[in-house]
Amino acid sequence: MDIDEPMDSQATEFPESQPSSLTFSQSLVRTSKPLKVGELTALLKNLHEKLKELDQNVEQDSLATVSEELVHKQLIKNNNKTIRALVACCLADIIRLHAPTCPYTMDQLRSIFTLFVDQLSQFGTETPDFQYHFYLLENLQSVKTFLLLNEMDNADELVLPMIENFFKVTEKATLARNVELCMTDVLIQLIEDVRILGPELTELILEQFDKFEKVI
């Protein structure tokens, strides 16, 4: 159609986009002998790259196997720091892709958030896994994954170590501005939406005001 030709009065119909699916056939968990660190790391990096490219228009059945394997103790409690960082990133994407529902039980969620908190407490330390820690932070912040803590008992005890570390590293002012902004937004979500404001957290926040007053 020429640019100056009038358009048809009928609305143009566009075909509905077809759901995408995860193409990942390798198993991350072995019942007999666990995968070697190098092999498992390579598989998790591959899975991480595939998951982060998917949106919520995805066939959730295609996520079922990796969703189950990622919470296996061979992965979520692995001794290797990079493997745990990658597992955390993949789990964050699994939760993102299932939102607003969640494919995990409350016990599994507690283990997952324990892993998340451990990873997000690494800021301020020299680590080759910074890219994964920041990906995790940005993912949890944008998806507001911490709202799932509303269903969990004693959630404040779970996230307090992470909040303490956030205050410590931001006080040193050694992090990039975008990292600090994500941390701040996560703290706001925890206080306003999750309503985590027990005695220990209240005391921690008051300590920050006291430090700020001393500085000025």
N, C-alpha and C. Protein backbone atom coordinates (compact mmCIF):
# COMPACT_ATOMS: atom_id res chain seq x y z
N MET A 1 0.85 -1.20 0.00
CA MET A 1 0.00 0.00 0.00
C MET A 1 0.88 1.24 0.00
N ASP A 2 0.57 2.19 -0.87
CA ASP A 2 1.32 3.45 -0.92
C ASP A 2 1.08 4.24 0.35
N ILE A 3 2.00 5.13 0.66
CA ILE A 3 1.92 5.87 1.92
C ILE A 3 0.75 6.83 1.95
N ASP A 4 0.32 7.31 0.79
CA ASP A 4 -0.79 8.26 0.77
C ASP A 4 -2.12 7.59 0.44
N GLU A 5 -2.15 6.26 0.36
CA GLU A 5 -3.39 5.53 0.10
C GLU A 5 -4.16 5.39 1.39
N PRO A 6 -5.48 5.69 1.41
CA PRO A 6 -6.25 5.57 2.64
C PRO A 6 -6.29 4.14 3.14
N MET A 7 -6.27 4.00 4.47
CA MET A 7 -6.29 2.67 5.07
C MET A 7 -7.70 2.10 5.01
N ASP A 8 -7.78 0.80 5.01
CA ASP A 8 -9.07 0.12 5.07
C ASP A 8 -9.78 0.51 6.36
N SER A 9 -11.06 0.74 6.28
CA SER A 9 -11.82 1.16 7.46
C SER A 9 -11.89 0.08 8.52
N GLN A 10 -11.73 -1.17 8.11
CA GLN A 10 -11.76 -2.26 9.08
C GLN A 10 -10.43 -2.35 9.80
N ALA A 11 -10.50 -2.64 11.10
CA ALA A 11 -9.27 -2.75 11.91
C ALA A 11 -8.44 -3.93 11.42
N THR A 12 -7.15 -3.71 11.37
CA THR A 12 -6.25 -4.78 10.97
C THR A 12 -6.18 -5.83 12.08
N GLU A 13 -6.32 -7.07 11.71
CA GLU A 13 -6.26 -8.15 12.69
C GLU A 13 -4.87 -8.75 12.70
N PHE A 14 -4.30 -8.85 13.91
CA PHE A 14 -2.97 -9.42 14.07
C PHE A 14 -3.10 -10.80 14.70
N PRO A 15 -2.37 -11.76 14.22
CA PRO A 15 -2.44 -13.10 14.83
C PRO A 15 -1.91 -13.06 16.27
N GLU A 16 -2.55 -13.83 17.13
CA GLU A 16 -2.10 -13.89 18.52
C GLU A 16 -0.72 -14.53 18.58
N SER A 17 0.14 -13.96 19.42
CA SER A 17 1.48 -14.52 19.55
C SER A 17 1.43 -15.88 20.23
N GLN A 18 2.20 -16.78 19.72
CA GLN A 18 2.23 -18.13 20.27
C GLN A 18 3.11 -18.17 21.50
N PRO A 19 2.71 -18.91 22.53
CA PRO A 19 3.54 -19.02 23.74
C PRO A 19 4.91 -19.60 23.40
N SER A 20 5.93 -19.06 24.02
CA SER A 20 7.27 -19.62 23.85
C SER A 20 7.44 -20.77 24.84
N SER A 21 8.51 -21.47 24.72
CA SER A 21 8.77 -22.57 25.66
C SER A 21 10.26 -22.67 25.92
N LEU A 22 10.59 -23.21 27.08
CA LEU A 22 11.99 -23.41 27.43
C LEU A 22 12.50 -24.66 26.75
N THR A 23 13.59 -24.50 26.02
CA THR A 23 14.23 -25.66 25.39
C THR A 23 15.50 -25.97 26.17
N PHE A 24 15.37 -26.87 27.10
CA PHE A 24 16.51 -27.26 27.94
C PHE A 24 16.27 -28.70 28.38
N SER A 25 17.00 -29.61 27.76
CA SER A 25 16.73 -31.04 27.99
C SER A 25 17.69 -31.70 28.96
N GLN A 26 18.79 -31.01 29.32
CA GLN A 26 19.77 -31.63 30.21
C GLN A 26 19.27 -31.68 31.65
N SER A 27 19.68 -32.72 32.35
CA SER A 27 19.32 -32.84 33.76
C SER A 27 20.39 -32.19 34.62
N LEU A 28 19.96 -31.43 35.63
CA LEU A 28 20.88 -30.75 36.53
C LEU A 28 21.20 -31.59 37.76
N VAL A 29 20.41 -32.62 37.99
CA VAL A 29 20.54 -33.43 39.20
C VAL A 29 20.79 -34.88 38.81
N ARG A 30 21.76 -35.48 39.43
CA ARG A 30 22.07 -36.89 39.21
C ARG A 30 21.85 -37.66 40.51
N THR A 31 21.16 -38.78 40.42
CA THR A 31 20.87 -39.57 41.62
C THR A 31 22.08 -40.36 42.10
N SER A 32 22.93 -40.77 41.18
CA SER A 32 24.09 -41.59 41.56
C SER A 32 25.28 -40.73 41.95
N LYS A 33 25.81 -40.01 40.98
CA LYS A 33 26.99 -39.18 41.21
C LYS A 33 26.73 -37.77 40.71
N PRO A 34 26.83 -36.75 41.59
CA PRO A 34 26.56 -35.36 41.17
C PRO A 34 27.48 -34.93 40.04
N LEU A 35 27.00 -34.01 39.25
CA LEU A 35 27.81 -33.45 38.16
C LEU A 35 29.04 -32.73 38.71
N LYS A 36 30.12 -32.75 37.95
CA LYS A 36 31.31 -32.00 38.34
C LYS A 36 31.01 -30.50 38.29
N VAL A 37 31.77 -29.74 39.07
CA VAL A 37 31.52 -28.31 39.20
C VAL A 37 31.52 -27.61 37.85
N GLY A 38 32.52 -27.88 37.02
CA GLY A 38 32.62 -27.23 35.72
C GLY A 38 31.44 -27.54 34.82
N GLU A 39 31.03 -28.81 34.81
CA GLU A 39 29.91 -29.23 33.96
C GLU A 39 28.60 -28.61 34.44
N LEU A 40 28.39 -28.63 35.75
CA LEU A 40 27.16 -28.07 36.31
C LEU A 40 27.11 -26.56 36.12
N THR A 41 28.24 -25.90 36.31
CA THR A 41 28.30 -24.46 36.10
C THR A 41 27.94 -24.09 34.66
N ALA A 42 28.46 -24.84 33.71
CA ALA A 42 28.16 -24.58 32.30
C ALA A 42 26.67 -24.77 32.00
N LEU A 43 26.08 -25.80 32.56
CA LEU A 43 24.65 -26.05 32.35
C LEU A 43 23.80 -24.93 32.95
N LEU A 44 24.17 -24.49 34.15
CA LEU A 44 23.41 -23.44 34.82
C LEU A 44 23.55 -22.10 34.10
N LYS A 45 24.73 -21.83 33.57
CA LYS A 45 24.91 -20.60 32.79
C LYS A 45 24.02 -20.63 31.55
N ASN A 46 23.96 -21.77 30.91
CA ASN A 46 23.11 -21.94 29.73
C ASN A 46 21.64 -21.75 30.09
N LEU A 47 21.22 -22.37 31.20
CA LEU A 47 19.84 -22.25 31.65
C LEU A 47 19.52 -20.80 32.02
N HIS A 48 20.44 -20.16 32.70
CA HIS A 48 20.25 -18.76 33.10
C HIS A 48 20.02 -17.87 31.88
N GLU A 49 20.82 -18.06 30.84
CA GLU A 49 20.67 -17.25 29.63
C GLU A 49 19.33 -17.50 28.95
N LYS A 50 18.88 -18.76 28.96
CA LYS A 50 17.60 -19.09 28.32
C LYS A 50 16.43 -18.53 29.11
N LEU A 51 16.47 -18.65 30.43
CA LEU A 51 15.36 -18.19 31.26
C LEU A 51 15.18 -16.68 31.21
N LYS A 52 16.29 -15.96 31.22
CA LYS A 52 16.17 -14.49 31.27
C LYS A 52 15.63 -13.90 29.98
N GLU A 53 15.65 -14.69 28.90
CA GLU A 53 15.10 -14.21 27.63
C GLU A 53 13.60 -14.48 27.51
N LEU A 54 13.05 -15.28 28.41
CA LEU A 54 11.63 -15.63 28.33
C LEU A 54 10.77 -14.61 29.05
N ASP A 55 9.54 -14.43 28.54
CA ASP A 55 8.58 -13.61 29.26
C ASP A 55 7.45 -14.50 29.75
N GLN A 56 6.41 -13.89 30.33
CA GLN A 56 5.36 -14.69 30.95
C GLN A 56 4.46 -15.39 29.94
N ASN A 57 4.61 -15.06 28.67
CA ASN A 57 3.90 -15.79 27.64
C ASN A 57 4.69 -17.05 27.28
N VAL A 58 4.81 -17.91 28.26
CA VAL A 58 5.63 -19.11 28.12
C VAL A 58 4.82 -20.32 28.54
N GLU A 59 5.05 -21.42 27.87
CA GLU A 59 4.41 -22.67 28.25
C GLU A 59 4.98 -23.11 29.60
N GLN A 60 4.20 -22.99 30.65
CA GLN A 60 4.72 -23.28 31.98
C GLN A 60 5.07 -24.75 32.16
N ASP A 61 4.46 -25.61 31.37
CA ASP A 61 4.83 -27.03 31.44
C ASP A 61 6.28 -27.24 31.06
N SER A 62 6.81 -26.38 30.19
CA SER A 62 8.20 -26.53 29.77
C SER A 62 9.18 -26.15 30.88
N LEU A 63 8.66 -25.50 31.95
CA LEU A 63 9.50 -25.09 33.08
C LEU A 63 9.48 -26.11 34.21
N ALA A 64 8.60 -27.09 34.11
CA ALA A 64 8.33 -27.98 35.25
C ALA A 64 9.57 -28.71 35.75
N THR A 65 10.34 -29.29 34.85
CA THR A 65 11.49 -30.11 35.28
C THR A 65 12.56 -29.26 35.95
N VAL A 66 12.93 -28.15 35.33
CA VAL A 66 13.98 -27.32 35.93
C VAL A 66 13.48 -26.66 37.22
N SER A 67 12.18 -26.35 37.28
CA SER A 67 11.62 -25.76 38.51
C SER A 67 11.81 -26.71 39.68
N GLU A 68 11.61 -27.99 39.42
CA GLU A 68 11.77 -29.01 40.47
C GLU A 68 13.24 -29.25 40.79
N GLU A 69 14.08 -29.33 39.77
CA GLU A 69 15.49 -29.64 40.01
C GLU A 69 16.22 -28.51 40.73
N LEU A 70 15.84 -27.27 40.46
CA LEU A 70 16.56 -26.13 41.05
C LEU A 70 16.46 -26.06 42.56
N VAL A 71 15.43 -26.69 43.15
CA VAL A 71 15.31 -26.67 44.61
C VAL A 71 15.88 -27.95 45.24
N HIS A 72 16.51 -28.78 44.43
CA HIS A 72 17.16 -29.98 44.96
C HIS A 72 18.38 -29.56 45.78
N LYS A 73 18.65 -30.30 46.84
CA LYS A 73 19.76 -29.94 47.73
C LYS A 73 21.12 -29.95 47.02
N GLN A 74 21.26 -30.76 45.95
CA GLN A 74 22.51 -30.75 45.18
C GLN A 74 22.80 -29.37 44.60
N LEU A 75 21.75 -28.58 44.37
CA LEU A 75 21.91 -27.27 43.75
C LEU A 75 21.78 -26.15 44.77
N ILE A 76 20.66 -26.14 45.48
CA ILE A 76 20.37 -25.00 46.35
C ILE A 76 21.32 -24.93 47.56
N LYS A 77 21.93 -26.08 47.90
CA LYS A 77 22.88 -26.11 49.00
C LYS A 77 24.27 -26.52 48.53
N ASN A 78 24.55 -26.27 47.28
CA ASN A 78 25.86 -26.62 46.72
C ASN A 78 26.96 -25.83 47.41
N ASN A 79 28.13 -26.44 47.54
CA ASN A 79 29.26 -25.78 48.21
C ASN A 79 29.92 -24.70 47.36
N ASN A 80 29.68 -24.75 46.05
CA ASN A 80 30.33 -23.80 45.15
C ASN A 80 29.56 -22.49 45.09
N LYS A 81 30.24 -21.37 45.31
CA LYS A 81 29.58 -20.06 45.37
C LYS A 81 28.95 -19.65 44.04
N THR A 82 29.66 -19.90 42.95
CA THR A 82 29.14 -19.53 41.64
C THR A 82 27.90 -20.33 41.29
N ILE A 83 27.92 -21.61 41.63
CA ILE A 83 26.76 -22.46 41.37
C ILE A 83 25.55 -21.95 42.15
N ARG A 84 25.74 -21.61 43.43
CA ARG A 84 24.62 -21.10 44.22
C ARG A 84 24.11 -19.77 43.66
N ALA A 85 25.02 -18.92 43.18
CA ALA A 85 24.61 -17.64 42.60
C ALA A 85 23.76 -17.86 41.34
N LEU A 86 24.18 -18.79 40.51
CA LEU A 86 23.44 -19.10 39.29
C LEU A 86 22.09 -19.73 39.60
N VAL A 87 22.07 -20.62 40.58
CA VAL A 87 20.81 -21.25 40.98
C VAL A 87 19.82 -20.18 41.46
N ALA A 88 20.32 -19.22 42.24
CA ALA A 88 19.47 -18.13 42.73
C ALA A 88 18.89 -17.33 41.57
N CYS A 89 19.70 -17.01 40.57
CA CYS A 89 19.22 -16.26 39.40
C CYS A 89 18.14 -17.05 38.65
N CYS A 90 18.38 -18.34 38.48
CA CYS A 90 17.41 -19.18 37.77
C CYS A 90 16.10 -19.29 38.55
N LEU A 91 16.20 -19.44 39.86
CA LEU A 91 14.99 -19.53 40.69
C LEU A 91 14.20 -18.22 40.64
N ALA A 92 14.90 -17.10 40.64
CA ALA A 92 14.22 -15.81 40.55
C ALA A 92 13.43 -15.71 39.24
N ASP A 93 14.00 -16.23 38.16
CA ASP A 93 13.30 -16.19 36.88
C ASP A 93 12.14 -17.18 36.84
N ILE A 94 12.30 -18.33 37.46
CA ILE A 94 11.18 -19.28 37.53
C ILE A 94 9.99 -18.64 38.25
N ILE A 95 10.26 -17.96 39.35
CA ILE A 95 9.20 -17.27 40.09
C ILE A 95 8.60 -16.15 39.24
N ARG A 96 9.46 -15.40 38.54
CA ARG A 96 8.98 -14.32 37.66
C ARG A 96 8.06 -14.86 36.58
N LEU A 97 8.43 -15.97 35.97
CA LEU A 97 7.67 -16.52 34.86
C LEU A 97 6.34 -17.13 35.30
N HIS A 98 6.23 -17.50 36.57
CA HIS A 98 4.98 -18.06 37.09
C HIS A 98 4.06 -17.01 37.72
N ALA A 99 4.59 -15.82 37.97
CA ALA A 99 3.82 -14.79 38.68
C ALA A 99 2.48 -14.54 37.97
N PRO A 100 1.40 -14.30 38.72
CA PRO A 100 1.37 -14.05 40.17
C PRO A 100 1.26 -15.30 41.03
N THR A 101 1.19 -16.49 40.41
CA THR A 101 1.20 -17.72 41.20
C THR A 101 2.64 -18.11 41.49
N CYS A 102 2.81 -19.15 42.29
CA CYS A 102 4.17 -19.60 42.62
C CYS A 102 4.19 -21.12 42.61
N PRO A 103 5.19 -21.72 41.98
CA PRO A 103 5.21 -23.18 41.85
C PRO A 103 5.78 -23.91 43.07
N TYR A 104 6.13 -23.18 44.12
CA TYR A 104 6.82 -23.79 45.25
C TYR A 104 5.99 -23.81 46.53
N THR A 105 6.26 -24.80 47.37
CA THR A 105 5.60 -24.89 48.66
C THR A 105 6.22 -23.86 49.61
N MET A 106 5.59 -23.67 50.77
CA MET A 106 6.10 -22.70 51.72
C MET A 106 7.48 -23.11 52.24
N ASP A 107 7.69 -24.40 52.47
CA ASP A 107 9.01 -24.87 52.91
C ASP A 107 10.06 -24.62 51.84
N GLN A 108 9.71 -24.88 50.60
CA GLN A 108 10.65 -24.63 49.51
C GLN A 108 10.94 -23.13 49.38
N LEU A 109 9.91 -22.31 49.55
CA LEU A 109 10.11 -20.86 49.47
C LEU A 109 11.05 -20.36 50.56
N ARG A 110 10.94 -20.94 51.74
CA ARG A 110 11.84 -20.54 52.82
C ARG A 110 13.29 -20.86 52.44
N SER A 111 13.52 -22.02 51.86
CA SER A 111 14.87 -22.39 51.41
C SER A 111 15.33 -21.46 50.29
N ILE A 112 14.42 -21.11 49.39
CA ILE A 112 14.76 -20.23 48.28
C ILE A 112 15.13 -18.85 48.78
N PHE A 113 14.32 -18.30 49.70
CA PHE A 113 14.62 -16.96 50.21
C PHE A 113 15.87 -16.96 51.08
N THR A 114 16.15 -18.06 51.74
CA THR A 114 17.40 -18.17 52.48
C THR A 114 18.58 -18.05 51.52
N LEU A 115 18.46 -18.69 50.36
CA LEU A 115 19.49 -18.58 49.33
C LEU A 115 19.56 -17.15 48.79
N PHE A 116 18.42 -16.55 48.51
CA PHE A 116 18.40 -15.17 48.00
C PHE A 116 19.11 -14.22 48.97
N VAL A 117 18.75 -14.33 50.25
CA VAL A 117 19.33 -13.45 51.27
C VAL A 117 20.84 -13.65 51.36
N ASP A 118 21.27 -14.91 51.29
CA ASP A 118 22.70 -15.20 51.33
C ASP A 118 23.42 -14.54 50.15
N GLN A 119 22.83 -14.61 48.97
CA GLN A 119 23.45 -14.02 47.78
C GLN A 119 23.47 -12.50 47.85
N LEU A 120 22.38 -11.91 48.32
CA LEU A 120 22.29 -10.46 48.38
C LEU A 120 23.10 -9.87 49.53
N SER A 121 23.60 -10.74 50.40
CA SER A 121 24.47 -10.29 51.48
C SER A 121 25.93 -10.26 51.05
N GLN A 122 26.20 -10.56 49.78
CA GLN A 122 27.57 -10.61 49.27
C GLN A 122 28.05 -9.26 48.74
N PHE A 123 27.13 -8.30 48.60
CA PHE A 123 27.56 -6.99 48.11
C PHE A 123 28.54 -6.36 49.09
N GLY A 124 29.55 -5.73 48.53
CA GLY A 124 30.59 -5.14 49.36
C GLY A 124 31.79 -6.03 49.53
N THR A 125 31.72 -7.26 49.01
CA THR A 125 32.87 -8.18 49.06
C THR A 125 33.41 -8.37 47.65
N GLU A 126 34.68 -8.68 47.56
CA GLU A 126 35.30 -8.94 46.26
C GLU A 126 34.87 -10.33 45.79
N THR A 127 34.15 -10.37 44.70
CA THR A 127 33.65 -11.64 44.20
C THR A 127 33.53 -11.61 42.68
N PRO A 128 33.87 -12.72 42.01
CA PRO A 128 33.69 -12.79 40.55
C PRO A 128 32.23 -12.97 40.16
N ASP A 129 31.35 -13.15 41.14
CA ASP A 129 29.94 -13.42 40.86
C ASP A 129 29.06 -12.19 40.98
N PHE A 130 29.67 -11.00 40.98
CA PHE A 130 28.90 -9.77 41.15
C PHE A 130 27.78 -9.66 40.12
N GLN A 131 28.05 -10.04 38.86
CA GLN A 131 27.03 -9.91 37.82
C GLN A 131 25.77 -10.70 38.16
N TYR A 132 25.96 -11.86 38.79
CA TYR A 132 24.80 -12.67 39.16
C TYR A 132 24.08 -12.09 40.38
N HIS A 133 24.85 -11.57 41.33
CA HIS A 133 24.24 -10.95 42.50
C HIS A 133 23.41 -9.74 42.09
N PHE A 134 23.92 -8.94 41.16
CA PHE A 134 23.17 -7.76 40.73
C PHE A 134 21.96 -8.16 39.90
N TYR A 135 22.11 -9.18 39.05
CA TYR A 135 20.96 -9.66 38.27
C TYR A 135 19.85 -10.11 39.22
N LEU A 136 20.24 -10.83 40.26
CA LEU A 136 19.26 -11.31 41.24
C LEU A 136 18.57 -10.14 41.94
N LEU A 137 19.36 -9.17 42.39
CA LEU A 137 18.81 -8.00 43.08
C LEU A 137 17.82 -7.26 42.19
N GLU A 138 18.22 -7.00 40.95
CA GLU A 138 17.38 -6.25 40.02
C GLU A 138 16.10 -7.01 39.69
N ASN A 139 16.24 -8.32 39.54
CA ASN A 139 15.09 -9.18 39.24
C ASN A 139 14.08 -9.15 40.39
N LEU A 140 14.56 -9.38 41.60
CA LEU A 140 13.67 -9.42 42.77
C LEU A 140 13.02 -8.06 43.01
N GLN A 141 13.77 -7.00 42.73
CA GLN A 141 13.25 -5.65 42.93
C GLN A 141 12.15 -5.34 41.91
N SER A 142 12.38 -5.65 40.64
CA SER A 142 11.42 -5.29 39.59
C SER A 142 10.16 -6.16 39.65
N VAL A 143 10.31 -7.42 40.00
CA VAL A 143 9.16 -8.34 40.07
C VAL A 143 8.43 -8.22 41.41
N LYS A 144 9.09 -7.59 42.39
CA LYS A 144 8.57 -7.49 43.76
C LYS A 144 8.35 -8.88 44.37
N THR A 145 9.34 -9.73 44.17
CA THR A 145 9.26 -11.11 44.64
C THR A 145 9.16 -11.19 46.16
N PHE A 146 9.68 -10.19 46.86
CA PHE A 146 9.66 -10.24 48.32
C PHE A 146 8.23 -10.18 48.87
N LEU A 147 7.25 -9.83 48.05
CA LEU A 147 5.87 -9.84 48.51
C LEU A 147 5.42 -11.24 48.92
N LEU A 148 6.10 -12.26 48.40
CA LEU A 148 5.78 -13.64 48.79
C LEU A 148 6.04 -13.88 50.27
N LEU A 149 6.86 -13.02 50.87
CA LEU A 149 7.16 -13.17 52.30
C LEU A 149 5.93 -12.90 53.16
N ASN A 150 4.91 -12.27 52.60
CA ASN A 150 3.68 -12.02 53.35
C ASN A 150 3.02 -13.31 53.82
N GLU A 151 3.29 -14.39 53.10
CA GLU A 151 2.69 -15.68 53.45
C GLU A 151 3.56 -16.49 54.40
N MET A 152 4.71 -15.95 54.79
CA MET A 152 5.69 -16.73 55.55
C MET A 152 5.80 -16.24 56.99
N ASP A 153 5.87 -17.18 57.93
CA ASP A 153 6.06 -16.84 59.34
C ASP A 153 7.51 -16.41 59.59
N ASN A 154 7.69 -15.46 60.50
CA ASN A 154 9.03 -15.01 60.92
C ASN A 154 9.89 -14.56 59.74
N ALA A 155 9.25 -13.90 58.78
CA ALA A 155 9.97 -13.43 57.59
C ALA A 155 11.01 -12.39 57.95
N ASP A 156 10.74 -11.59 59.00
CA ASP A 156 11.69 -10.54 59.37
C ASP A 156 13.03 -11.13 59.79
N GLU A 157 13.00 -12.28 60.49
CA GLU A 157 14.23 -12.93 60.91
C GLU A 157 15.03 -13.41 59.69
N LEU A 158 14.31 -13.78 58.65
CA LEU A 158 14.95 -14.31 57.45
C LEU A 158 15.73 -13.24 56.70
N VAL A 159 15.14 -12.04 56.58
CA VAL A 159 15.75 -11.01 55.74
C VAL A 159 16.62 -10.02 56.52
N LEU A 160 16.60 -10.08 57.84
CA LEU A 160 17.36 -9.12 58.63
C LEU A 160 18.85 -9.10 58.29
N PRO A 161 19.52 -10.26 58.11
CA PRO A 161 20.96 -10.22 57.75
C PRO A 161 21.21 -9.47 56.44
N MET A 162 20.30 -9.63 55.48
CA MET A 162 20.45 -8.94 54.20
C MET A 162 20.30 -7.43 54.38
N ILE A 163 19.31 -7.02 55.18
CA ILE A 163 19.08 -5.59 55.41
C ILE A 163 20.27 -4.97 56.12
N GLU A 164 20.81 -5.68 57.11
CA GLU A 164 21.99 -5.19 57.82
C GLU A 164 23.14 -4.95 56.85
N ASN A 165 23.32 -5.90 55.93
CA ASN A 165 24.42 -5.76 54.96
C ASN A 165 24.15 -4.61 54.00
N PHE A 166 22.90 -4.43 53.59
CA PHE A 166 22.55 -3.30 52.71
C PHE A 166 22.98 -1.98 53.36
N PHE A 167 22.66 -1.82 54.64
CA PHE A 167 23.02 -0.58 55.33
C PHE A 167 24.53 -0.42 55.43
N LYS A 168 25.22 -1.52 55.69
CA LYS A 168 26.68 -1.45 55.85
C LYS A 168 27.36 -1.03 54.55
N VAL A 169 26.97 -1.66 53.44
CA VAL A 169 27.66 -1.37 52.18
C VAL A 169 27.28 -0.01 51.62
N THR A 170 26.02 0.43 51.82
CA THR A 170 25.64 1.75 51.34
C THR A 170 26.31 2.85 52.16
N GLU A 171 26.57 2.54 53.43
CA GLU A 171 27.26 3.51 54.28
C GLU A 171 28.69 3.76 53.79
N LYS A 172 29.30 2.72 53.24
CA LYS A 172 30.67 2.85 52.73
C LYS A 172 30.72 3.58 51.38
N ALA A 173 29.55 3.67 50.72
CA ALA A 173 29.44 4.37 49.44
C ALA A 173 30.43 3.86 48.40
N THR A 174 30.55 2.54 48.31
CA THR A 174 31.47 1.95 47.34
C THR A 174 30.75 1.28 46.17
N LEU A 175 29.41 1.27 46.22
CA LEU A 175 28.64 0.58 45.19
C LEU A 175 28.19 1.55 44.10
N ALA A 176 27.91 1.00 42.94
CA ALA A 176 27.38 1.80 41.84
C ALA A 176 26.00 2.32 42.23
N ARG A 177 25.64 3.46 41.65
CA ARG A 177 24.38 4.11 42.00
C ARG A 177 23.18 3.22 41.71
N ASN A 178 23.20 2.48 40.59
CA ASN A 178 22.05 1.64 40.26
C ASN A 178 21.86 0.50 41.26
N VAL A 179 22.96 0.02 41.84
CA VAL A 179 22.87 -1.02 42.87
C VAL A 179 22.21 -0.44 44.12
N GLU A 180 22.65 0.74 44.52
CA GLU A 180 22.08 1.39 45.71
C GLU A 180 20.59 1.67 45.53
N LEU A 181 20.20 2.10 44.33
CA LEU A 181 18.79 2.40 44.07
C LEU A 181 17.94 1.14 44.19
N CYS A 182 18.45 0.01 43.66
CA CYS A 182 17.72 -1.26 43.76
C CYS A 182 17.59 -1.68 45.22
N MET A 183 18.67 -1.54 45.97
CA MET A 183 18.65 -1.89 47.40
C MET A 183 17.61 -1.05 48.14
N THR A 184 17.60 0.25 47.85
CA THR A 184 16.66 1.15 48.51
C THR A 184 15.22 0.75 48.20
N ASP A 185 14.95 0.41 46.95
CA ASP A 185 13.59 0.03 46.57
C ASP A 185 13.18 -1.27 47.25
N VAL A 186 14.11 -2.22 47.36
CA VAL A 186 13.82 -3.48 48.06
C VAL A 186 13.48 -3.20 49.53
N LEU A 187 14.23 -2.31 50.16
CA LEU A 187 13.96 -1.96 51.56
C LEU A 187 12.57 -1.33 51.70
N ILE A 188 12.22 -0.46 50.76
CA ILE A 188 10.90 0.17 50.79
C ILE A 188 9.80 -0.88 50.63
N GLN A 189 10.00 -1.83 49.72
CA GLN A 189 9.02 -2.91 49.53
C GLN A 189 8.85 -3.72 50.81
N LEU A 190 9.97 -4.02 51.47
CA LEU A 190 9.91 -4.83 52.69
C LEU A 190 9.16 -4.11 53.80
N ILE A 191 9.34 -2.81 53.88
CA ILE A 191 8.71 -2.04 54.96
C ILE A 191 7.26 -1.71 54.64
N GLU A 192 6.99 -1.26 53.40
CA GLU A 192 5.65 -0.79 53.06
C GLU A 192 4.71 -1.91 52.62
N ASP A 193 5.21 -2.84 51.82
CA ASP A 193 4.33 -3.87 51.25
C ASP A 193 4.34 -5.16 52.06
N VAL A 194 5.51 -5.56 52.53
CA VAL A 194 5.61 -6.79 53.32
C VAL A 194 5.39 -6.47 54.81
N ARG A 195 5.57 -5.20 55.15
CA ARG A 195 5.36 -4.73 56.53
C ARG A 195 6.28 -5.43 57.53
N ILE A 196 7.54 -5.61 57.09
CA ILE A 196 8.55 -6.17 57.99
C ILE A 196 9.14 -5.03 58.80
N LEU A 197 8.66 -4.89 60.01
CA LEU A 197 9.16 -3.81 60.85
C LEU A 197 9.11 -4.25 62.32
N GLY A 198 9.79 -5.40 62.59
CA GLY A 198 9.87 -5.88 63.95
C GLY A 198 10.83 -5.05 64.79
N PRO A 199 10.97 -5.37 66.07
CA PRO A 199 11.84 -4.59 66.96
C PRO A 199 13.28 -4.47 66.48
N GLU A 200 13.83 -5.59 65.96
CA GLU A 200 15.23 -5.56 65.52
C GLU A 200 15.42 -4.65 64.31
N LEU A 201 14.48 -4.71 63.35
CA LEU A 201 14.60 -3.87 62.17
C LEU A 201 14.38 -2.41 62.53
N THR A 202 13.41 -2.16 63.41
CA THR A 202 13.17 -0.78 63.86
C THR A 202 14.43 -0.20 64.50
N GLU A 203 15.07 -0.99 65.34
CA GLU A 203 16.30 -0.54 65.99
C GLU A 203 17.40 -0.30 64.96
N LEU A 204 17.47 -1.16 63.97
CA LEU A 204 18.48 -1.02 62.93
C LEU A 204 18.26 0.28 62.13
N ILE A 205 17.01 0.59 61.80
CA ILE A 205 16.71 1.81 61.05
C ILE A 205 17.03 3.05 61.89
N LEU A 206 16.68 2.99 63.17
CA LEU A 206 16.97 4.13 64.05
C LEU A 206 18.47 4.36 64.18
N GLU A 207 19.25 3.28 64.16
CA GLU A 207 20.71 3.40 64.20
C GLU A 207 21.22 4.15 62.97
N GLN A 208 20.58 3.90 61.81
CA GLN A 208 21.01 4.58 60.59
C GLN A 208 20.73 6.08 60.67
N PHE A 209 19.57 6.44 61.25
CA PHE A 209 19.27 7.87 61.43
C PHE A 209 20.26 8.50 62.36
N ASP A 210 20.64 7.77 63.40
CA ASP A 210 21.60 8.30 64.39
C ASP A 210 22.95 8.54 63.72
N LYS A 211 23.37 7.61 62.87
CA LYS A 211 24.65 7.76 62.16
C LYS A 211 24.58 8.96 61.21
N PHE A 212 23.43 9.10 60.53
CA PHE A 212 23.28 10.21 59.59
C PHE A 212 23.35 11.55 60.31
N GLU A 213 22.71 11.65 61.46
CA GLU A 213 22.73 12.91 62.23
C GLU A 213 24.15 13.26 62.68
N LYS A 214 24.92 12.23 63.02
CA LYS A 214 26.30 12.47 63.45
C LYS A 214 27.16 12.98 62.31
N VAL A 215 26.86 12.50 61.11
CA VAL A 215 27.63 12.92 59.93
C VAL A 215 27.37 14.38 59.61
N ILE A 216 26.08 14.81 59.69
CA ILE A 216 25.77 16.19 59.33
C ILE A 216 25.95 17.13 60.54
